[in-house]
Structures are given as structure tokens and as C-alpha cells.
Protein backbone atom coordinates (compact mmCIF):
# COMPACT_ATOMS: atom_id res chain seq x y z
CA MET A 1 0.00 0.00 0.00
CA SER A 2 2.75 2.48 0.87
CA GLU A 3 4.54 1.86 -2.45
CA ARG A 4 1.50 2.88 -4.54
CA SER A 5 0.73 6.09 -2.63
CA PRO A 6 3.49 8.24 -4.23
CA SER A 7 2.41 7.13 -7.74
CA ARG A 8 -1.22 7.97 -7.04
CA GLY A 9 -0.23 11.39 -5.72
CA ARG A 10 1.74 12.20 -8.82
CA TRP A 11 -1.23 11.35 -11.05
CA LEU A 12 -3.52 13.48 -8.96
CA ILE A 13 -1.15 16.45 -9.16
CA ALA A 14 -0.87 16.01 -12.95
CA ALA A 15 -4.67 15.98 -13.32
CA ILE A 16 -5.03 19.12 -11.22
CA LEU A 17 -2.40 20.89 -13.29
CA ALA A 18 -4.13 19.86 -16.51
CA VAL A 19 -7.48 21.19 -15.26
CA VAL A 20 -5.84 24.46 -14.20
CA ALA A 21 -4.18 24.79 -17.64
CA VAL A 22 -7.44 24.19 -19.51
CA CYS A 23 -9.32 26.67 -17.33
CA GLY A 24 -6.60 29.25 -17.83
CA TYR A 25 -6.68 28.81 -21.58
CA LEU A 26 -10.45 29.11 -21.71
CA GLY A 27 -10.34 32.18 -19.51
CA TRP A 28 -7.76 33.81 -21.72
CA ARG A 29 -9.82 33.12 -24.82
CA ALA A 30 -12.93 34.56 -23.19
CA TYR A 31 -11.03 37.66 -22.18
CA GLU A 32 -9.66 38.09 -25.68
CA GLY A 33 -13.17 37.73 -27.24
CA ALA A 34 -14.67 40.22 -24.81
CA ALA A 35 -11.91 42.70 -25.55
CA ALA A 36 -12.45 42.27 -29.30
CA ASN A 37 -16.22 42.74 -28.92
CA ALA A 38 -15.69 45.82 -26.81
CA ALA A 39 -13.33 47.25 -29.41
CA LYS A 40 -15.81 46.43 -32.18
CA ALA A 41 -18.69 48.03 -30.26
CA SER A 42 -16.70 51.17 -29.67
CA ALA A 43 -15.68 51.50 -33.39
CA PRO A 44 -17.85 53.85 -35.57
CA PRO A 45 -20.30 52.15 -38.03
CA ALA A 46 -19.20 51.72 -41.65
CA PRO A 47 -20.66 54.36 -44.04
CA ILE A 48 -23.56 53.22 -46.21
CA PRO A 49 -22.89 53.60 -49.96
CA VAL A 50 -25.54 55.75 -51.65
CA THR A 51 -26.01 57.72 -54.87
CA VAL A 52 -26.65 61.43 -54.49
CA ALA A 53 -27.72 64.26 -56.79
CA ALA A 54 -27.53 68.01 -56.36
CA VAL A 55 -30.62 70.11 -55.79
CA ARG A 56 -30.55 72.76 -58.49
CA LYS A 57 -32.56 75.46 -60.22
CA ALA A 58 -33.66 74.92 -63.81
CA ASP A 59 -36.44 75.59 -66.31
CA PHE A 60 -39.06 72.86 -66.08
CA PRO A 61 -41.40 72.17 -69.04
CA VAL A 62 -44.91 71.14 -68.04
CA TYR A 63 -46.14 68.54 -70.50
CA LEU A 64 -49.54 66.97 -71.01
CA ASN A 65 -49.28 63.34 -72.05
CA GLY A 66 -51.89 61.57 -74.11
CA LEU A 67 -52.66 58.91 -76.67
CA GLY A 68 -53.51 59.59 -80.30
CA VAL A 69 -54.02 58.16 -83.76
CA VAL A 70 -52.37 59.39 -86.95
CA GLU A 71 -54.82 60.58 -89.59
CA PRO A 72 -54.14 61.77 -93.16
CA TYR A 73 -54.21 65.52 -93.62
CA ASP A 74 -56.53 64.95 -96.61
CA THR A 75 -58.22 61.78 -97.88
CA VAL A 76 -59.84 61.49 -101.33
CA THR A 77 -61.63 58.53 -102.89
CA VAL A 78 -61.24 59.04 -106.63
CA SER A 79 -64.38 58.11 -108.55
CA SER A 80 -65.52 58.42 -112.15
CA ARG A 81 -67.85 61.32 -113.00
CA VAL A 82 -69.01 59.70 -116.24
CA ASP A 83 -69.98 56.21 -117.36
CA GLY A 84 -67.71 54.20 -119.58
CA GLU A 85 -65.08 51.52 -120.01
CA ILE A 86 -61.67 51.85 -118.36
CA THR A 87 -59.16 51.66 -121.19
CA LYS A 88 -55.95 52.48 -119.32
CA ILE A 89 -54.54 52.63 -115.76
CA ASP A 90 -51.66 55.09 -115.35
CA PHE A 91 -50.59 54.51 -111.73
CA ARG A 92 -49.11 51.75 -109.60
CA GLN A 93 -50.69 50.62 -106.36
CA GLY A 94 -49.04 52.38 -103.44
CA GLN A 95 -47.39 54.96 -105.68
CA ILE A 96 -46.86 58.56 -104.62
CA VAL A 97 -48.74 60.67 -107.14
CA LYS A 98 -48.71 64.42 -107.61
CA GLU A 99 -51.67 66.70 -108.06
CA GLY A 100 -52.78 66.60 -111.71
CA ASP A 101 -51.15 63.26 -112.55
CA ILE A 102 -53.25 61.02 -114.82
CA LEU A 103 -54.65 58.03 -112.95
CA ALA A 104 -56.96 56.35 -115.46
CA GLN A 105 -58.52 56.79 -118.89
CA ILE A 106 -62.14 56.10 -119.84
CA ASP A 107 -63.14 55.41 -123.45
CA PRO A 108 -63.63 58.99 -124.79
CA ARG A 109 -65.29 58.20 -128.15
CA PRO A 110 -68.95 58.65 -127.10
CA TYR A 111 -68.17 61.96 -125.46
CA GLN A 112 -66.05 63.14 -128.40
CA ALA A 113 -68.96 62.38 -130.70
CA ALA A 114 -71.32 64.39 -128.48
CA LEU A 115 -68.90 67.31 -128.59
CA ASP A 116 -68.65 67.14 -132.40
CA GLN A 117 -72.43 67.10 -132.66
CA ALA A 118 -72.74 70.18 -130.42
CA LEU A 119 -70.11 72.00 -132.50
CA ALA A 120 -71.98 71.20 -135.71
CA LYS A 121 -75.27 72.37 -134.26
CA LYS A 122 -73.72 75.66 -133.26
CA ALA A 123 -72.20 76.14 -136.73
CA ALA A 124 -75.61 75.60 -138.33
CA ASP A 125 -77.34 78.00 -135.98
CA GLU A 126 -74.65 80.63 -136.52
CA ALA A 127 -75.22 80.41 -140.30
CA MET A 128 -78.97 80.88 -139.80
CA LEU A 129 -78.27 83.80 -137.48
CA LYS A 130 -76.04 85.46 -140.05
CA ASN A 131 -78.75 85.18 -142.68
CA ALA A 132 -81.38 86.52 -140.30
CA GLN A 133 -79.19 89.48 -139.43
CA LEU A 134 -78.78 90.33 -143.14
CA ASN A 135 -82.55 90.17 -143.63
CA LEU A 136 -82.99 92.42 -140.63
CA GLN A 137 -80.71 94.99 -142.22
CA ARG A 138 -82.78 94.87 -145.46
CA TYR A 139 -86.07 95.26 -143.60
CA THR A 140 -84.64 98.16 -141.64
CA THR A 141 -83.63 99.96 -144.90
CA LEU A 142 -86.98 99.25 -146.56
CA ASN A 143 -88.89 100.40 -143.51
CA LYS A 144 -87.15 103.77 -143.62
CA GLU A 145 -88.38 104.21 -147.19
CA ASP A 146 -91.83 102.87 -146.34
CA PHE A 147 -91.44 99.79 -148.52
CA SER A 148 -92.02 97.38 -145.60
CA SER A 149 -94.33 97.33 -142.63
CA ARG A 150 -93.35 97.78 -139.04
CA GLN A 151 -94.67 94.31 -138.29
CA GLN A 152 -92.27 92.69 -140.74
CA LEU A 153 -89.34 94.54 -139.14
CA ASP A 154 -90.34 93.46 -135.63
CA THR A 155 -90.83 89.85 -136.71
CA GLN A 156 -87.36 89.75 -138.26
CA GLN A 157 -85.85 91.31 -135.13
CA ALA A 158 -87.47 88.55 -133.02
CA THR A 159 -86.05 85.91 -135.37
CA VAL A 160 -82.55 87.33 -134.94
CA ASP A 161 -82.91 87.46 -131.15
CA GLN A 162 -84.18 83.88 -131.14
CA LEU A 163 -81.20 82.66 -133.16
CA ILE A 164 -78.76 84.56 -130.91
CA ALA A 165 -80.21 82.76 -127.89
CA GLN A 166 -80.06 79.47 -129.75
CA VAL A 167 -76.36 79.98 -130.52
CA LYS A 168 -75.72 80.70 -126.84
CA GLY A 169 -77.50 77.46 -125.98
CA ASP A 170 -75.32 75.66 -128.49
CA GLN A 171 -72.22 77.08 -126.77
CA GLY A 172 -73.52 75.77 -123.46
CA ALA A 173 -73.98 72.33 -124.97
CA ILE A 174 -70.43 72.50 -126.31
CA ASP A 175 -69.06 73.47 -122.90
CA ASN A 176 -70.97 70.60 -121.29
CA ALA A 177 -69.71 68.13 -123.90
CA GLN A 178 -66.14 69.36 -123.42
CA THR A 179 -66.51 68.95 -119.65
CA GLU A 180 -67.86 65.43 -120.04
CA LEU A 181 -65.02 64.60 -122.40
CA SER A 182 -62.46 65.95 -119.89
CA TYR A 183 -63.92 63.61 -117.23
CA THR A 184 -62.78 60.64 -119.30
CA THR A 185 -59.24 61.48 -118.20
CA ILE A 186 -59.14 60.94 -114.42
CA ARG A 187 -56.46 62.98 -112.65
CA SER A 188 -55.21 63.06 -109.09
CA PRO A 189 -56.80 65.89 -107.07
CA LEU A 190 -53.91 66.05 -104.60
CA THR A 191 -50.37 64.90 -103.91
CA GLY A 192 -50.35 61.74 -101.84
CA LYS A 193 -50.04 57.98 -101.68
CA THR A 194 -52.41 55.69 -103.54
CA SER A 195 -54.15 52.70 -102.00
CA PHE A 196 -54.89 49.31 -103.51
CA ARG A 197 -56.44 49.63 -106.96
CA LEU A 198 -60.19 48.99 -106.99
CA ILE A 199 -60.65 48.62 -110.78
CA ASP A 200 -58.80 47.09 -113.73
CA PRO A 201 -58.65 47.93 -117.43
CA GLY A 202 -61.81 46.72 -119.14
CA ASN A 203 -64.08 47.40 -116.16
CA ILE A 204 -67.19 49.50 -116.74
CA VAL A 205 -67.45 52.38 -114.28
CA HIS A 206 -70.51 54.47 -113.46
CA ALA A 207 -70.81 57.96 -112.07
CA SER A 208 -73.47 56.70 -109.63
CA ALA A 209 -71.30 53.88 -108.25
CA SER A 210 -70.54 54.03 -104.50
CA THR A 211 -67.10 52.47 -104.87
CA GLY A 212 -64.23 54.49 -106.28
CA ILE A 213 -61.22 53.77 -108.40
CA VAL A 214 -58.51 54.41 -105.78
CA THR A 215 -58.04 56.21 -102.47
CA ILE A 216 -55.32 58.84 -102.07
CA VAL A 217 -54.09 60.11 -98.70
CA LYS A 218 -51.96 63.18 -98.08
CA LEU A 219 -48.93 62.34 -95.91
CA GLN A 220 -47.08 65.67 -95.88
CA PRO A 221 -48.23 67.31 -93.73
CA ILE A 222 -50.13 64.81 -91.60
CA SER A 223 -52.37 65.04 -88.53
CA VAL A 224 -52.56 63.33 -85.15
CA VAL A 225 -55.87 63.31 -83.28
CA PHE A 226 -55.52 62.84 -79.52
CA THR A 227 -57.46 63.48 -76.32
CA ALA A 228 -56.95 65.12 -72.95
CA PRO A 229 -59.06 65.24 -69.76
CA GLU A 230 -61.69 67.96 -69.68
CA GLU A 231 -60.10 69.59 -66.62
CA ASP A 232 -57.09 70.50 -68.78
CA VAL A 233 -59.17 72.47 -71.31
CA PRO A 234 -58.56 75.90 -69.69
CA ALA A 235 -54.78 75.35 -69.61
CA ILE A 236 -54.79 74.14 -73.22
CA ASN A 237 -56.78 77.13 -74.45
CA LYS A 238 -54.51 79.47 -72.50
CA ALA A 239 -51.42 77.95 -74.10
CA LEU A 240 -53.02 78.08 -77.56
CA ALA A 241 -53.96 81.73 -77.10
CA ALA A 242 -50.37 82.57 -76.13
CA GLY A 243 -48.95 81.30 -79.43
CA VAL A 244 -47.78 78.12 -81.13
CA VAL A 245 -48.16 75.07 -78.85
CA PRO A 246 -45.50 72.39 -79.56
CA VAL A 247 -46.66 68.77 -79.71
CA ASP A 248 -44.34 65.75 -79.84
CA ALA A 249 -45.35 62.40 -81.31
CA LEU A 250 -43.71 59.35 -79.74
CA SER A 251 -44.03 55.62 -80.24
CA SER A 252 -46.98 53.94 -78.52
CA ASP A 253 -44.73 52.87 -75.61
CA GLY A 254 -43.54 56.47 -75.18
CA LEU A 255 -39.86 55.57 -75.56
CA THR A 256 -39.01 56.68 -79.12
CA MET A 257 -39.41 60.23 -80.43
CA LEU A 258 -41.03 60.17 -83.87
CA SER A 259 -41.77 63.75 -84.92
CA HIS A 260 -42.29 67.32 -83.74
CA GLY A 261 -45.36 69.35 -84.65
CA HIS A 262 -47.80 71.90 -83.28
CA LEU A 263 -51.36 72.01 -82.01
CA ALA A 264 -53.71 72.93 -84.88
CA LEU A 265 -57.10 73.02 -83.17
CA VAL A 266 -59.14 72.05 -80.14
CA ASN A 267 -62.57 70.54 -80.68
CA ASN A 268 -65.54 72.79 -79.97
CA SER A 269 -67.06 70.51 -77.30
CA VAL A 270 -66.12 67.95 -74.66
CA ASP A 271 -67.24 64.36 -75.19
CA GLN A 272 -69.79 63.86 -72.42
CA ALA A 273 -69.46 60.07 -72.55
CA SER A 274 -65.71 59.98 -71.89
CA GLY A 275 -65.09 63.42 -70.37
CA ASP A 276 -62.27 64.07 -72.85
CA ILE A 277 -61.56 66.87 -75.28
CA ARG A 278 -60.32 65.96 -78.76
CA MET A 279 -57.47 67.88 -80.37
CA LYS A 280 -55.61 67.77 -83.66
CA ALA A 281 -51.89 68.40 -84.14
CA THR A 282 -50.13 68.92 -87.46
CA PHE A 283 -46.71 67.47 -88.36
CA ALA A 284 -44.57 68.18 -91.43
CA ASN A 285 -43.74 64.43 -91.66
CA THR A 286 -41.02 64.96 -94.25
CA ASP A 287 -39.58 61.52 -93.48
CA ASN A 288 -43.00 59.79 -93.54
CA VAL A 289 -42.36 58.31 -90.08
CA LEU A 290 -46.00 58.97 -89.19
CA TRP A 291 -48.43 56.73 -91.04
CA PRO A 292 -52.22 56.88 -91.18
CA GLY A 293 -53.81 54.66 -88.53
CA LEU A 294 -50.64 54.47 -86.41
CA SER A 295 -51.17 54.69 -82.63
CA VAL A 296 -48.79 57.14 -80.98
CA SER A 297 -48.17 58.81 -77.65
CA THR A 298 -48.42 62.58 -77.61
CA ARG A 299 -46.74 65.20 -75.46
CA LEU A 300 -48.15 68.72 -75.47
CA LEU A 301 -46.16 71.57 -73.91
CA LEU A 302 -48.58 73.44 -71.64
CA ASP A 303 -46.13 75.76 -69.91
CA THR A 304 -42.52 76.23 -68.86
CA LEU A 305 -41.69 76.95 -65.21
CA HIS A 306 -38.60 79.13 -65.06
CA ASP A 307 -35.86 78.95 -62.43
CA VAL A 308 -37.52 76.42 -60.10
CA ILE A 309 -36.01 73.94 -57.63
CA VAL A 310 -35.75 70.48 -59.23
CA VAL A 311 -34.55 67.10 -57.96
CA PRO A 312 -34.51 63.63 -59.57
CA VAL A 313 -37.80 61.79 -59.10
CA ASP A 314 -35.96 58.94 -57.36
CA ALA A 315 -35.07 61.32 -54.54
CA VAL A 316 -38.73 61.84 -53.63
CA GLN A 317 -39.91 59.26 -51.08
CA ARG A 318 -43.38 58.64 -49.63
CA GLY A 319 -44.17 58.02 -46.01
CA PRO A 320 -47.14 58.08 -43.63
CA ASN A 321 -46.67 61.81 -43.07
CA GLY A 322 -46.23 62.80 -46.69
CA LEU A 323 -43.34 63.22 -49.12
CA TYR A 324 -39.78 63.41 -47.89
CA ALA A 325 -36.17 63.18 -49.07
CA TYR A 326 -32.86 62.25 -47.48
CA VAL A 327 -30.48 65.23 -47.49
CA VAL A 328 -26.74 64.58 -47.13
CA GLY A 329 -24.97 67.07 -44.85
CA LYS A 330 -21.35 68.22 -44.91
CA ASP A 331 -20.44 65.49 -42.40
CA ASP A 332 -21.88 62.85 -44.78
CA LYS A 333 -24.78 62.20 -42.42
CA VAL A 334 -28.32 62.13 -43.77
CA GLU A 335 -31.32 64.10 -42.61
CA MET A 336 -34.88 63.02 -43.42
CA ARG A 337 -36.64 66.20 -44.54
CA GLU A 338 -40.30 66.69 -45.45
CA ILE A 339 -40.86 68.30 -48.86
CA LYS A 340 -43.67 69.49 -51.14
CA VAL A 341 -43.79 68.76 -54.86
CA SER A 342 -45.85 70.75 -57.37
CA GLN A 343 -44.94 69.01 -60.64
CA GLU A 344 -43.42 65.65 -61.42
CA GLY A 345 -41.84 64.51 -64.68
CA GLU A 346 -40.25 61.33 -65.92
CA GLN A 347 -36.86 62.31 -64.49
CA LEU A 348 -37.31 65.48 -62.42
CA SER A 349 -39.70 66.78 -59.78
CA VAL A 350 -40.33 70.42 -58.89
CA VAL A 351 -39.94 71.00 -55.14
CA THR A 352 -41.70 74.03 -53.70
CA GLN A 353 -40.79 73.53 -50.03
CA GLY A 354 -38.15 71.72 -47.99
CA LEU A 355 -35.03 71.89 -50.18
CA SER A 356 -32.59 74.56 -51.28
CA SER A 357 -30.38 74.80 -54.33
CA GLY A 358 -26.92 73.34 -53.76
CA GLU A 359 -27.96 70.63 -51.29
CA ASN A 360 -27.41 66.95 -52.06
CA VAL A 361 -30.23 64.40 -51.89
CA VAL A 362 -30.06 60.61 -51.95
CA THR A 363 -31.43 59.02 -55.13
CA GLU A 364 -30.40 55.37 -54.55
CA GLY A 365 -29.87 53.32 -51.41
CA GLN A 366 -32.61 54.88 -49.24
CA ASP A 367 -33.81 51.48 -47.98
CA ARG A 368 -30.81 51.21 -45.60
CA LEU A 369 -30.92 54.75 -44.30
CA ARG A 370 -32.14 56.15 -40.99
CA GLU A 371 -32.03 59.64 -39.54
CA GLY A 372 -28.38 60.59 -38.94
CA ALA A 373 -26.92 57.58 -40.77
CA LEU A 374 -23.38 57.96 -42.12
CA VAL A 375 -23.17 57.53 -45.89
CA GLN A 376 -20.58 57.22 -48.61
CA PRO A 377 -22.02 59.38 -51.44
CA THR A 378 -21.47 58.80 -55.14
CA PRO A 379 -22.65 61.55 -57.57
CA ALA A 380 -25.41 60.61 -60.02
CA PRO A 381 -25.60 61.92 -63.62
CA THR A 382 -27.66 65.10 -64.00
CA PRO A 383 -31.08 64.37 -65.55
CA THR A 384 -32.82 66.70 -67.96
CA PRO A 385 -36.43 67.85 -67.65
CA THR A 386 -38.95 65.71 -69.55
CA ALA A 387 -42.66 65.03 -69.57
CA SER A 388 -44.37 66.22 -66.42
CA ARG A 389 -47.49 65.36 -64.51
CA ALA A 390 -49.10 66.46 -61.26
CA PRO A 391 -47.41 65.37 -57.99
CA PRO A 392 -48.66 62.19 -56.27
CA ASP A 393 -51.04 62.43 -53.33
CA THR A 394 -50.00 61.11 -49.93
CA ILE A 395 -52.10 58.19 -48.67
CA SER A 396 -52.21 57.24 -45.02
CA PRO A 397 -51.24 53.70 -43.92
CA ALA A 398 -54.85 53.06 -42.87
CA GLU A 399 -56.02 53.63 -46.43
CA ALA A 400 -53.30 51.48 -48.01
CA PRO A 401 -51.89 48.70 -45.82
CA GLU A 402 -49.30 47.71 -48.40
CA ALA A 403 -47.02 49.71 -50.67
CA ALA A 404 -48.19 49.86 -54.22
CA PRO A 405 -45.63 48.55 -56.73
CA ALA A 406 -44.05 51.06 -59.06
CA ALA A 407 -46.11 51.42 -62.20
CA PRO A 408 -44.33 50.62 -65.49
CA PRO A 409 -43.66 53.63 -67.72
CA MET A 410 -46.52 54.26 -70.08
CA PRO A 411 -47.87 57.33 -71.89
CA ALA A 412 -50.93 58.82 -70.21
CA PRO A 413 -52.46 62.25 -69.80
CA ALA A 414 -50.92 64.28 -67.01
CA GLN A 415 -53.08 63.55 -63.96
CA THR A 416 -52.60 63.15 -60.25
CA PRO A 417 -51.64 59.48 -59.78
CA ALA A 418 -52.91 57.84 -56.61
CA ALA A 419 -49.80 56.25 -55.09
CA ALA A 420 -50.31 53.89 -52.14
CA ALA A 421 -48.15 54.52 -49.07
CA PRO A 422 -46.08 51.80 -47.34
CA PRO A 423 -47.25 50.28 -44.04
CA ALA A 424 -46.60 52.18 -40.84
CA THR A 425 -43.07 51.79 -39.52
CA PRO A 426 -42.13 51.20 -35.87
CA ALA A 427 -41.49 54.22 -33.69
CA GLY A 428 -38.06 55.70 -34.23
CA ALA A 429 -37.57 54.02 -37.61
CA ALA A 430 -37.57 55.91 -40.91
CA PRO A 431 -40.45 55.16 -43.30
CA ALA A 432 -39.70 52.61 -45.98
CA PRO A 433 -38.97 54.33 -49.33
CA ALA A 434 -41.11 53.96 -52.39
CA LYS A 435 -40.01 54.90 -55.87
CA ALA A 436 -41.84 57.66 -57.72
CA PRO A 437 -44.11 56.50 -60.54
């Protein structure tokens, strides 16, 4: 027993030392972790990367967006004014013809014969008139010498007058026959593009027929008929009274500029069924980019606001209390500031309250920001003013429990869009941003 006691003691001491070593190591690691956490907690937060744009003053065009349809400036259905057989076609389908160009020829022989007959009748009546006038001269001389009665002289005078009237009637018949003969050559009444041909050589045409020979549309200039809400009528009339009102025609998706023109007229009444006013704009269309029947988006310049405060539309955010924007200070910390917007375009918004020229606002990265957050700003490219519309209304969270998704870009008349607000945020947290429509 005494021989094993020293060995057992040594093992016990070794175990105690091992436990002490493990506990010391674990304690050291815990101390190191706590120190690192304390150092991390005391370090300032990393700046949040954002894109910023400068608040600036600029001229802001106020546009009225709409939808329209291209219509020919003039449309003519060419028909025959006399009956007869088509002997010749002098145009190609789809050809551009000029005013006065020959389109078709009708057999002229019956009408030439009628003209010849009228000419012969006039020649015969003129010969009779000449003879009657000579007799009148003889009766006048004889009457002076009392060799003829007054009755004979008056009768001869009536015969001369009758033949003069008859010759005039003959001339009228000749003019009518010449007109009928001229109708056998069908000419274009305007410069434009022809449609599909509706007749062929050998067809018999009639002046009373409801169908024509061809349709011609005038492409240069050309018109676009479009509509606007009735509440915009006073502003449209005011702009029209001030001078020429520019109108742009864009593709139906509103992305491609097609042509520039001007407002020609406003309809004399509002459509009670739709509540819209119809308008017509004229375009030179020298490149024929506008085609009859084409659906286009329109952009009418109502007014130009001069020297106003503008910011990119992405800087305008919506919250439960209204519109706001994040303003970056000189220390790169953001401030959530309430603003008011009077006009909103595709790229810029007009701010009437809350911002000053020269300040920087956040246009991207707002979802990570809170009041006083430190940011790392990156300048955004400067947008240019484009089509405008009225500013969005602010909707309370009770009216709209969920944020409405951003509407895809589409041409529409400038109206006040109803944008849903995001749900209410917890106390102390900044409202969730929502992109401008």
C-alpha cells in the first residue's frame, strides 16, 4: 500500500495541473473575445454607400401626355364622274402621285362624238343667225323708205334674237360636252399615296357607283388626333392663345421620339361620354415616319416653369406623413426632410418647399438609411427635364396597408396618380422608401 501512494499522488497532481491549464486557456480566450467585442462596439459604423444628386434650379417644361391616332391631312376617294369603259390605268398601287397626274382613262369616243355634234349644231345656228341678221338689215332699210311694214321689221328682229339665244345654248352644250369629255381622263386631285387599286382595265365604271377607283391620302403634312381630360381644357386654351403650342409624337410605348409638330385646333365641345376633349396636331412628316392609322403617344407643352427647384424623381420618397427626401450634410450624415412637390416629370420633380439649391439628396440606397446615418455618397448623372405630370397624393397607412408597386412607364395624360403609401413603420424608424411612378 505504501509503495503505490506516491504514484497515485503524482497522477492526482498532474490531473489538477491539466485542469488548471485548460481553465486558464479558456479564460484567456474569453477575455480576448470580450476585448475584441468591446473594441468592435466602440468602433464607428461603416458608411452606407448611396447615390446622391444636387438640388438645383432649372427651367421645367410642363407637358400633357396623351394617346392619339395618326390621320391623313386629306383623304380622297377618286371616282368616275361619267360612265364608260376603263381603257388604261396610269398609276401603280401604293405609288406617290402628284396633283394633276393622270390616274386612269375612260373610253372617250362617245363623249367626243357628243362634242362634235354640239359643234356642228352651233355652226348651223350661226349660219342661220347670219342670214337673219342680213334680212334684218334689209327690212330696216326698206322700212325707212316705207317699202315694208313695221310688223315685218319686228318679226325679223325677233327671229334674230331667237337665233342669238339658240347659238348661246349651243355654246352651253359644247361646254358641257367638253366637260364630259375631260372627265374621261381621271387625274389626281392632290399629292399623296395611292391605296390598292379597286378597278382594272376593261371594267365598266358608273358615275353613280358608290365604290371608287382608288383612295389617295396626303402624308405631308399629316395630322394626329388625340385626347386630354376635360379639366385641362382651360390650360390648353390658354397655351393656344399665347402662341404656337408644340406637340411631340412618340411611339406607342412612349420611348421613341417620332416627330415634332404643333397644335392645330381644339374641338368645340367635350365628349360627355368619356369626359375628354379631342385635339388635332399637325406634323410636317417629311420623313414619312407617321403613317395613317398608327397609334402614338403625344406630349403637349402646356407651360414652362422658369428657375424652379428640381430634384430627380428617385429622390422623392413617400411616407405616412407625406413626401420626404434624405439630405446629405457636410459630415456625410443624412437628414430626413419633409418636402412638397408641385410638378413631377419622368426624371425630375419640382420642389416648392423643404429643399434649397446646392444641397445633395439621396437618389439610390434609401432602404438602408435612418435619420443621422453615415453615408458614402457617389454623384449621379444630371437628368434633364422631360414630360411632367401632377405630384402624387400622400395616402395614409390606414387607407393602403401595403405599398403599391411602381407602375411601369406608359404614356398617359398628365393627372394626379394615386400612389399607395407603405405600411406604418415602428417608432423611431424611418419610413420605408417607395419609388416615384
